[in-house]
Amino acid sequence: MDDSIERRMTELESRLAHHERMAEELSSVMFEQGQIIDRLTAQVRRLRERVAELEAGPQRAPQDEAPPPHY
């Protein structure tokens, strides 16, 4: 093989290896971010449920209410 072709092939192989490593790293980061998003989504859902409960006020049964003052 010609020396310049061999150099070009070596350079291409090096670039390919670099791009493969970057793709693996990006895949790993995306997987981790997906897990974080799932946890945050669940947390937001729980917080929304809690806020809705608080906005609705305490749930009381009629027997739990104090009698009016004239009794």
Protein backbone atom coordinates (compact mmCIF):
# COMPACT_ATOMS: atom_id res chain seq x y z
CA MET A 1 0.00 0.00 0.00
CA ASP A 2 1.02 3.53 -0.62
CA ASP A 3 2.28 5.32 2.51
CA SER A 4 -0.32 8.11 2.22
CA ILE A 5 -3.17 5.60 1.85
CA GLU A 6 -1.94 3.72 4.90
CA ARG A 7 -1.82 7.00 6.88
CA ARG A 8 -5.33 7.87 5.75
CA MET A 9 -6.61 4.41 6.75
CA THR A 10 -4.96 4.74 10.16
CA GLU A 11 -6.51 8.19 10.61
CA LEU A 12 -9.95 6.89 9.61
CA GLU A 13 -9.67 3.93 11.98
CA SER A 14 -8.67 6.29 14.77
CA ARG A 15 -11.63 8.58 14.06
CA LEU A 16 -13.99 5.61 13.90
CA ALA A 17 -12.76 4.35 17.29
CA HIS A 18 -13.23 7.83 18.74
CA HIS A 19 -16.79 8.08 17.38
CA GLU A 20 -17.66 4.61 18.67
CA ARG A 21 -16.42 5.57 22.15
CA MET A 22 -18.40 8.81 22.04
CA ALA A 23 -21.55 6.92 20.97
CA GLU A 24 -21.15 4.50 23.90
CA GLU A 25 -20.63 7.38 26.35
CA LEU A 26 -23.66 9.25 25.00
CA SER A 27 -25.76 6.11 25.24
CA SER A 28 -24.72 5.68 28.87
CA VAL A 29 -25.51 9.32 29.69
CA MET A 30 -28.90 9.07 27.98
CA PHE A 31 -29.72 5.91 29.96
CA GLU A 32 -28.82 7.62 33.25
CA GLN A 33 -30.83 10.71 32.31
CA GLY A 34 -33.81 8.50 31.46
CA GLN A 35 -33.65 6.98 34.94
CA ILE A 36 -33.45 10.45 36.51
CA ILE A 37 -36.42 11.64 34.44
CA ASP A 38 -38.45 8.60 35.53
CA ARG A 39 -37.68 9.28 39.21
CA LEU A 40 -38.48 12.99 38.88
CA THR A 41 -41.72 12.23 37.04
CA ALA A 42 -42.82 9.91 39.84
CA GLN A 43 -41.86 12.52 42.43
CA VAL A 44 -43.82 15.26 40.64
CA ARG A 45 -46.85 12.94 40.43
CA ARG A 46 -46.68 12.28 44.17
CA LEU A 47 -46.29 16.00 44.90
CA ARG A 48 -49.29 16.85 42.70
CA GLU A 49 -51.38 14.25 44.53
CA ARG A 50 -50.28 15.68 47.87
CA VAL A 51 -51.08 19.26 46.80
CA ALA A 52 -54.50 18.13 45.57
CA GLU A 53 -55.13 16.50 48.96
CA LEU A 54 -54.09 19.65 50.80
CA GLU A 55 -56.21 21.86 48.56
CA ALA A 56 -59.23 19.63 49.14
CA GLY A 57 -58.83 20.17 52.88
CA PRO A 58 -59.04 17.61 55.60
CA GLN A 59 -61.53 14.83 55.00
CA ARG A 60 -63.83 14.75 58.03
CA ALA A 61 -66.70 12.48 58.84
CA PRO A 62 -69.87 14.21 60.15
CA GLN A 63 -69.43 12.59 63.59
CA ASP A 64 -65.96 14.19 63.85
CA GLU A 65 -67.39 17.70 63.72
CA ALA A 66 -67.94 19.50 66.99
CA PRO A 67 -71.56 20.26 67.82
CA PRO A 68 -72.67 23.85 67.31
CA PRO A 69 -72.13 26.13 70.33
CA HIS A 70 -75.83 26.27 71.31
CA TYR A 71 -75.85 22.60 72.37
